[in-house]
Amino acid sequence: KSDKSVRHGSYALKNSSHTILEGQYIDNEAS
């Protein structure tokens, strides 16, 4: 919330039928 350019937490990519990607970021780095 303090810097919306920094991804931090869960990540998902979804289309209309299913989840394509599922993972997480810590301080803008995939983890």
ModelCIF file with pLDDT and N, C-alpha, C, O atoms, coordinates in Angstrom:
data_MODEL
#
_entry.id   MODEL 
#
_entity.id                         1 
_entity.type                       polymer 
_entity.pdbx_number_of_molecules   1 
#
_entity_poly.entity_id                      1 
_entity_poly.type                           'polypeptide(L)' 
_entity_poly.nstd_linkage                   no 
_entity_poly.nstd_monomer                   no 
_entity_poly.pdbx_seq_one_letter_code       KSDKSVRHGSYALKNSSHTILEGQYIDNEAS 
_entity_poly.pdbx_seq_one_letter_code_can   KSDKSVRHGSYALKNSSHTILEGQYIDNEAS 
_entity_poly.pdbx_strand_id                 A 
#
loop_
_entity_poly_seq.entity_id 
_entity_poly_seq.num 
_entity_poly_seq.mon_id 
_entity_poly_seq.hetero 
1 1  LYS n 
1 2  SER n 
1 3  ASP n 
1 4  LYS n 
1 5  SER n 
1 6  VAL n 
1 7  ARG n 
1 8  HIS n 
1 9  GLY n 
1 10 SER n 
1 11 TYR n 
1 12 ALA n 
1 13 LEU n 
1 14 LYS n 
1 15 ASN n 
1 16 SER n 
1 17 SER n 
1 18 HIS n 
1 19 THR n 
1 20 ILE n 
1 21 LEU n 
1 22 GLU n 
1 23 GLY n 
1 24 GLN n 
1 25 TYR n 
1 26 ILE n 
1 27 ASP n 
1 28 ASN n 
1 29 GLU n 
1 30 ALA n 
1 31 SER n 
#
_struct_asym.id          A 
_struct_asym.entity_id   1 
#
loop_
_ma_qa_metric.id 
_ma_qa_metric.mode 
_ma_qa_metric.name 
_ma_qa_metric.software_group_id 
_ma_qa_metric.type 
1 global pLDDT . pLDDT 
2 local  pLDDT . pLDDT 
#
_ma_qa_metric_global.metric_id      1 
_ma_qa_metric_global.metric_value   93.74 
_ma_qa_metric_global.model_id       1 
_ma_qa_metric_global.ordinal_id     1 
#
loop_
_ma_qa_metric_local.label_asym_id 
_ma_qa_metric_local.label_comp_id 
_ma_qa_metric_local.label_seq_id 
_ma_qa_metric_local.metric_id 
_ma_qa_metric_local.metric_value 
_ma_qa_metric_local.model_id 
_ma_qa_metric_local.ordinal_id 
A LYS 1  2 92.00 1 1  
A SER 2  2 91.00 1 2  
A ASP 3  2 93.00 1 3  
A LYS 4  2 92.00 1 4  
A SER 5  2 93.00 1 5  
A VAL 6  2 94.00 1 6  
A ARG 7  2 95.00 1 7  
A HIS 8  2 95.00 1 8  
A GLY 9  2 95.00 1 9  
A SER 10 2 96.00 1 10 
A TYR 11 2 97.00 1 11 
A ALA 12 2 96.00 1 12 
A LEU 13 2 95.00 1 13 
A LYS 14 2 94.00 1 14 
A ASN 15 2 89.00 1 15 
A SER 16 2 87.00 1 16 
A SER 17 2 85.00 1 17 
A HIS 18 2 91.00 1 18 
A THR 19 2 95.00 1 19 
A ILE 20 2 94.00 1 20 
A LEU 21 2 95.00 1 21 
A GLU 22 2 97.00 1 22 
A GLY 23 2 97.00 1 23 
A GLN 24 2 96.00 1 24 
A TYR 25 2 96.00 1 25 
A ILE 26 2 95.00 1 26 
A ASP 27 2 94.00 1 27 
A ASN 28 2 94.00 1 28 
A GLU 29 2 94.00 1 29 
A ALA 30 2 94.00 1 30 
A SER 31 2 95.00 1 31 
#
loop_
_atom_site.group_PDB 
_atom_site.id 
_atom_site.type_symbol 
_atom_site.label_atom_id 
_atom_site.label_alt_id 
_atom_site.label_comp_id 
_atom_site.label_asym_id 
_atom_site.label_entity_id 
_atom_site.label_seq_id 
_atom_site.pdbx_PDB_ins_code 
_atom_site.Cartn_x 
_atom_site.Cartn_y 
_atom_site.Cartn_z 
_atom_site.occupancy 
_atom_site.B_iso_or_equiv 
_atom_site.pdbx_formal_charge 
_atom_site.auth_seq_id 
_atom_site.auth_comp_id 
_atom_site.auth_asym_id 
_atom_site.auth_atom_id 
_atom_site.pdbx_PDB_model_num 
ATOM 1   N N  . LYS A 1 1  ? 0.832   -1.207  0.000   1.00 92.00 ? 1  LYS A N  1 
ATOM 2   C CA . LYS A 1 1  ? 0.000   0.000   0.000   1.00 92.00 ? 1  LYS A CA 1 
ATOM 3   C C  . LYS A 1 1  ? 0.862   1.251   0.000   1.00 92.00 ? 1  LYS A C  1 
ATOM 4   O O  . LYS A 1 1  ? 0.470   2.283   -0.545  1.00 92.00 ? 1  LYS A O  1 
ATOM 5   N N  . SER A 1 2  ? 2.041   1.157   0.616   1.00 91.00 ? 2  SER A N  1 
ATOM 6   C CA . SER A 1 2  ? 2.926   2.312   0.701   1.00 91.00 ? 2  SER A CA 1 
ATOM 7   C C  . SER A 1 2  ? 3.648   2.596   -0.621  1.00 91.00 ? 2  SER A C  1 
ATOM 8   O O  . SER A 1 2  ? 4.111   3.713   -0.850  1.00 91.00 ? 2  SER A O  1 
ATOM 9   N N  . ASP A 1 3  ? 3.742   1.572   -1.497  1.00 93.00 ? 3  ASP A N  1 
ATOM 10  C CA . ASP A 1 3  ? 4.400   1.729   -2.794  1.00 93.00 ? 3  ASP A CA 1 
ATOM 11  C C  . ASP A 1 3  ? 3.793   0.716   -3.752  1.00 93.00 ? 3  ASP A C  1 
ATOM 12  O O  . ASP A 1 3  ? 4.212   -0.441  -3.793  1.00 93.00 ? 3  ASP A O  1 
ATOM 13  N N  . LYS A 1 4  ? 2.802   1.159   -4.524  1.00 92.00 ? 4  LYS A N  1 
ATOM 14  C CA . LYS A 1 4  ? 2.037   0.238   -5.369  1.00 92.00 ? 4  LYS A CA 1 
ATOM 15  C C  . LYS A 1 4  ? 2.820   -0.302  -6.557  1.00 92.00 ? 4  LYS A C  1 
ATOM 16  O O  . LYS A 1 4  ? 2.305   -1.128  -7.311  1.00 92.00 ? 4  LYS A O  1 
ATOM 17  N N  . SER A 1 5  ? 4.057   0.154   -6.736  1.00 93.00 ? 5  SER A N  1 
ATOM 18  C CA . SER A 1 5  ? 4.904   -0.392  -7.799  1.00 93.00 ? 5  SER A CA 1 
ATOM 19  C C  . SER A 1 5  ? 5.627   -1.660  -7.343  1.00 93.00 ? 5  SER A C  1 
ATOM 20  O O  . SER A 1 5  ? 6.256   -2.339  -8.156  1.00 93.00 ? 5  SER A O  1 
ATOM 21  N N  . VAL A 1 6  ? 5.543   -1.982  -6.058  1.00 94.00 ? 6  VAL A N  1 
ATOM 22  C CA . VAL A 1 6  ? 6.240   -3.133  -5.495  1.00 94.00 ? 6  VAL A CA 1 
ATOM 23  C C  . VAL A 1 6  ? 5.272   -4.293  -5.283  1.00 94.00 ? 6  VAL A C  1 
ATOM 24  O O  . VAL A 1 6  ? 4.376   -4.216  -4.442  1.00 94.00 ? 6  VAL A O  1 
ATOM 25  N N  . ARG A 1 7  ? 5.456   -5.352  -6.040  1.00 95.00 ? 7  ARG A N  1 
ATOM 26  C CA . ARG A 1 7  ? 4.653   -6.558  -5.853  1.00 95.00 ? 7  ARG A CA 1 
ATOM 27  C C  . ARG A 1 7  ? 5.163   -7.307  -4.619  1.00 95.00 ? 7  ARG A C  1 
ATOM 28  O O  . ARG A 1 7  ? 6.362   -7.524  -4.444  1.00 95.00 ? 7  ARG A O  1 
ATOM 29  N N  . HIS A 1 8  ? 4.209   -7.690  -3.776  1.00 95.00 ? 8  HIS A N  1 
ATOM 30  C CA . HIS A 1 8  ? 4.596   -8.348  -2.525  1.00 95.00 ? 8  HIS A CA 1 
ATOM 31  C C  . HIS A 1 8  ? 3.416   -9.173  -2.052  1.00 95.00 ? 8  HIS A C  1 
ATOM 32  O O  . HIS A 1 8  ? 2.414   -8.620  -1.599  1.00 95.00 ? 8  HIS A O  1 
ATOM 33  N N  . GLY A 1 9  ? 3.523   -10.493 -2.152  1.00 95.00 ? 9  GLY A N  1 
ATOM 34  C CA . GLY A 1 9  ? 2.412   -11.352 -1.772  1.00 95.00 ? 9  GLY A CA 1 
ATOM 35  C C  . GLY A 1 9  ? 2.022   -12.278 -2.909  1.00 95.00 ? 9  GLY A C  1 
ATOM 36  O O  . GLY A 1 9  ? 2.835   -12.584 -3.781  1.00 95.00 ? 9  GLY A O  1 
ATOM 37  N N  . SER A 1 10 ? 0.781   -12.720 -2.893  1.00 96.00 ? 10 SER A N  1 
ATOM 38  C CA . SER A 1 10 ? 0.329   -13.726 -3.854  1.00 96.00 ? 10 SER A CA 1 
ATOM 39  C C  . SER A 1 10 ? 0.211   -13.146 -5.266  1.00 96.00 ? 10 SER A C  1 
ATOM 40  O O  . SER A 1 10 ? 0.000   -11.949 -5.460  1.00 96.00 ? 10 SER A O  1 
ATOM 41  N N  . TYR A 1 11 ? 0.358   -14.056 -6.250  1.00 97.00 ? 11 TYR A N  1 
ATOM 42  C CA . TYR A 1 11 ? 0.216   -13.685 -7.661  1.00 97.00 ? 11 TYR A CA 1 
ATOM 43  C C  . TYR A 1 11 ? -0.546  -14.790 -8.373  1.00 97.00 ? 11 TYR A C  1 
ATOM 44  O O  . TYR A 1 11 ? -0.305  -15.972 -8.130  1.00 97.00 ? 11 TYR A O  1 
ATOM 45  N N  . ALA A 1 12 ? -1.471  -14.407 -9.258  1.00 96.00 ? 12 ALA A N  1 
ATOM 46  C CA . ALA A 1 12 ? -2.181  -15.387 -10.076 1.00 96.00 ? 12 ALA A CA 1 
ATOM 47  C C  . ALA A 1 12 ? -2.503  -14.775 -11.431 1.00 96.00 ? 12 ALA A C  1 
ATOM 48  O O  . ALA A 1 12 ? -2.756  -13.576 -11.549 1.00 96.00 ? 12 ALA A O  1 
ATOM 49  N N  . LEU A 1 13 ? -2.488  -15.617 -12.439 1.00 95.00 ? 13 LEU A N  1 
ATOM 50  C CA . LEU A 1 13 ? -2.908  -15.237 -13.790 1.00 95.00 ? 13 LEU A CA 1 
ATOM 51  C C  . LEU A 1 13 ? -4.034  -16.187 -14.165 1.00 95.00 ? 13 LEU A C  1 
ATOM 52  O O  . LEU A 1 13 ? -3.849  -17.404 -14.164 1.00 95.00 ? 13 LEU A O  1 
ATOM 53  N N  . LYS A 1 14 ? -5.209  -15.634 -14.487 1.00 94.00 ? 14 LYS A N  1 
ATOM 54  C CA . LYS A 1 14 ? -6.379  -16.470 -14.736 1.00 94.00 ? 14 LYS A CA 1 
ATOM 55  C C  . LYS A 1 14 ? -7.077  -16.057 -16.022 1.00 94.00 ? 14 LYS A C  1 
ATOM 56  O O  . LYS A 1 14 ? -7.181  -14.872 -16.339 1.00 94.00 ? 14 LYS A O  1 
ATOM 57  N N  . ASN A 1 15 ? -7.562  -17.075 -16.769 1.00 89.00 ? 15 ASN A N  1 
ATOM 58  C CA . ASN A 1 15 ? -8.440  -16.777 -17.883 1.00 89.00 ? 15 ASN A CA 1 
ATOM 59  C C  . ASN A 1 15 ? -9.854  -17.204 -17.508 1.00 89.00 ? 15 ASN A C  1 
ATOM 60  O O  . ASN A 1 15 ? -10.114 -17.476 -16.336 1.00 89.00 ? 15 ASN A O  1 
ATOM 61  N N  . SER A 1 16 ? -10.761 -17.270 -18.455 1.00 87.00 ? 16 SER A N  1 
ATOM 62  C CA . SER A 1 16 ? -12.156 -17.547 -18.131 1.00 87.00 ? 16 SER A CA 1 
ATOM 63  C C  . SER A 1 16 ? -12.391 -18.979 -17.663 1.00 87.00 ? 16 SER A C  1 
ATOM 64  O O  . SER A 1 16 ? -13.411 -19.264 -17.036 1.00 87.00 ? 16 SER A O  1 
ATOM 65  N N  . SER A 1 17 ? -11.453 -19.889 -17.963 1.00 85.00 ? 17 SER A N  1 
ATOM 66  C CA . SER A 1 17 ? -11.682 -21.292 -17.632 1.00 85.00 ? 17 SER A CA 1 
ATOM 67  C C  . SER A 1 17 ? -10.879 -21.812 -16.447 1.00 85.00 ? 17 SER A C  1 
ATOM 68  O O  . SER A 1 17 ? -11.350 -22.685 -15.718 1.00 85.00 ? 17 SER A O  1 
ATOM 69  N N  . HIS A 1 18 ? -9.659  -21.280 -16.242 1.00 91.00 ? 18 HIS A N  1 
ATOM 70  C CA . HIS A 1 18 ? -8.845  -21.830 -15.160 1.00 91.00 ? 18 HIS A CA 1 
ATOM 71  C C  . HIS A 1 18 ? -7.687  -20.899 -14.792 1.00 91.00 ? 18 HIS A C  1 
ATOM 72  O O  . HIS A 1 18 ? -7.398  -19.931 -15.497 1.00 91.00 ? 18 HIS A O  1 
ATOM 73  N N  . THR A 1 19 ? -7.037  -21.214 -13.679 1.00 95.00 ? 19 THR A N  1 
ATOM 74  C CA . THR A 1 19 ? -5.831  -20.499 -13.269 1.00 95.00 ? 19 THR A CA 1 
ATOM 75  C C  . THR A 1 19 ? -4.673  -20.965 -14.137 1.00 95.00 ? 19 THR A C  1 
ATOM 76  O O  . THR A 1 19 ? -4.469  -22.166 -14.312 1.00 95.00 ? 19 THR A O  1 
ATOM 77  N N  . ILE A 1 20 ? -3.910  -20.016 -14.684 1.00 94.00 ? 20 ILE A N  1 
ATOM 78  C CA . ILE A 1 20 ? -2.770  -20.343 -15.546 1.00 94.00 ? 20 ILE A CA 1 
ATOM 79  C C  . ILE A 1 20 ? -1.475  -20.347 -14.740 1.00 94.00 ? 20 ILE A C  1 
ATOM 80  O O  . ILE A 1 20 ? -0.670  -21.272 -14.848 1.00 94.00 ? 20 ILE A O  1 
ATOM 81  N N  . LEU A 1 21 ? -1.285  -19.312 -13.936 1.00 95.00 ? 21 LEU A N  1 
ATOM 82  C CA . LEU A 1 21 ? -0.091  -19.207 -13.095 1.00 95.00 ? 21 LEU A CA 1 
ATOM 83  C C  . LEU A 1 21 ? -0.485  -18.929 -11.659 1.00 95.00 ? 21 LEU A C  1 
ATOM 84  O O  . LEU A 1 21 ? -1.483  -18.263 -11.385 1.00 95.00 ? 21 LEU A O  1 
ATOM 85  N N  . GLU A 1 22 ? 0.328   -19.457 -10.743 1.00 97.00 ? 22 GLU A N  1 
ATOM 86  C CA . GLU A 1 22 ? 0.090   -19.226 -9.322  1.00 97.00 ? 22 GLU A CA 1 
ATOM 87  C C  . GLU A 1 22 ? 1.434   -19.205 -8.601  1.00 97.00 ? 22 GLU A C  1 
ATOM 88  O O  . GLU A 1 22 ? 2.202   -20.164 -8.673  1.00 97.00 ? 22 GLU A O  1 
ATOM 89  N N  . GLY A 1 23 ? 1.709   -18.101 -7.905  1.00 97.00 ? 23 GLY A N  1 
ATOM 90  C CA . GLY A 1 23 ? 2.974   -18.005 -7.204  1.00 97.00 ? 23 GLY A CA 1 
ATOM 91  C C  . GLY A 1 23 ? 2.961   -16.839 -6.233  1.00 97.00 ? 23 GLY A C  1 
ATOM 92  O O  . GLY A 1 23 ? 1.904   -16.446 -5.740  1.00 97.00 ? 23 GLY A O  1 
ATOM 93  N N  . GLN A 1 24 ? 4.144   -16.280 -5.956  1.00 96.00 ? 24 GLN A N  1 
ATOM 94  C CA . GLN A 1 24 ? 4.213   -15.156 -5.029  1.00 96.00 ? 24 GLN A CA 1 
ATOM 95  C C  . GLN A 1 24 ? 5.430   -14.290 -5.309  1.00 96.00 ? 24 GLN A C  1 
ATOM 96  O O  . GLN A 1 24 ? 6.399   -14.727 -5.928  1.00 96.00 ? 24 GLN A O  1 
ATOM 97  N N  . TYR A 1 25 ? 5.354   -13.056 -4.839  1.00 96.00 ? 25 TYR A N  1 
ATOM 98  C CA . TYR A 1 25 ? 6.455   -12.100 -4.934  1.00 96.00 ? 25 TYR A CA 1 
ATOM 99  C C  . TYR A 1 25 ? 6.846   -11.643 -3.531  1.00 96.00 ? 25 TYR A C  1 
ATOM 100 O O  . TYR A 1 25 ? 6.004   -11.560 -2.636  1.00 96.00 ? 25 TYR A O  1 
ATOM 101 N N  . ILE A 1 26 ? 8.114   -11.352 -3.355  1.00 95.00 ? 26 ILE A N  1 
ATOM 102 C CA . ILE A 1 26 ? 8.608   -10.690 -2.149  1.00 95.00 ? 26 ILE A CA 1 
ATOM 103 C C  . ILE A 1 26 ? 9.479   -9.522  -2.605  1.00 95.00 ? 26 ILE A C  1 
ATOM 104 O O  . ILE A 1 26 ? 10.507  -9.709  -3.256  1.00 95.00 ? 26 ILE A O  1 
ATOM 105 N N  . ASP A 1 27 ? 9.044   -8.313  -2.247  1.00 94.00 ? 27 ASP A N  1 
ATOM 106 C CA . ASP A 1 27 ? 9.778   -7.098  -2.631  1.00 94.00 ? 27 ASP A CA 1 
ATOM 107 C C  . ASP A 1 27 ? 10.107  -7.077  -4.126  1.00 94.00 ? 27 ASP A C  1 
ATOM 108 O O  . ASP A 1 27 ? 11.246  -6.826  -4.518  1.00 94.00 ? 27 ASP A O  1 
ATOM 109 N N  . ASN A 1 28 ? 9.090   -7.346  -4.955  1.00 94.00 ? 28 ASN A N  1 
ATOM 110 C CA . ASN A 1 28 ? 9.177   -7.274  -6.415  1.00 94.00 ? 28 ASN A CA 1 
ATOM 111 C C  . ASN A 1 28 ? 9.981   -8.403  -7.053  1.00 94.00 ? 28 ASN A C  1 
ATOM 112 O O  . ASN A 1 28 ? 10.231  -8.376  -8.258  1.00 94.00 ? 28 ASN A O  1 
ATOM 113 N N  . GLU A 1 29 ? 10.383  -9.383  -6.271  1.00 94.00 ? 29 GLU A N  1 
ATOM 114 C CA . GLU A 1 29 ? 11.121  -10.525 -6.812  1.00 94.00 ? 29 GLU A CA 1 
ATOM 115 C C  . GLU A 1 29 ? 10.259  -11.785 -6.675  1.00 94.00 ? 29 GLU A C  1 
ATOM 116 O O  . GLU A 1 29 ? 9.701   -12.065 -5.614  1.00 94.00 ? 29 GLU A O  1 
ATOM 117 N N  . ALA A 1 30 ? 10.164  -12.544 -7.791  1.00 94.00 ? 30 ALA A N  1 
ATOM 118 C CA . ALA A 1 30 ? 9.441   -13.818 -7.724  1.00 94.00 ? 30 ALA A CA 1 
ATOM 119 C C  . ALA A 1 30 ? 10.113  -14.718 -6.693  1.00 94.00 ? 30 ALA A C  1 
ATOM 120 O O  . ALA A 1 30 ? 11.340  -14.789 -6.627  1.00 94.00 ? 30 ALA A O  1 
ATOM 121 N N  . SER A 1 31 ? 9.307   -15.401 -5.895  1.00 95.00 ? 31 SER A N  1 
ATOM 122 C CA . SER A 1 31 ? 9.848   -16.194 -4.799  1.00 95.00 ? 31 SER A CA 1 
ATOM 123 C C  . SER A 1 31 ? 9.086   -17.512 -4.669  1.00 95.00 ? 31 SER A C  1 
ATOM 124 O O  . SER A 1 31 ? 9.398   -18.322 -3.796  1.00 95.00 ? 31 SER A O  1 
#
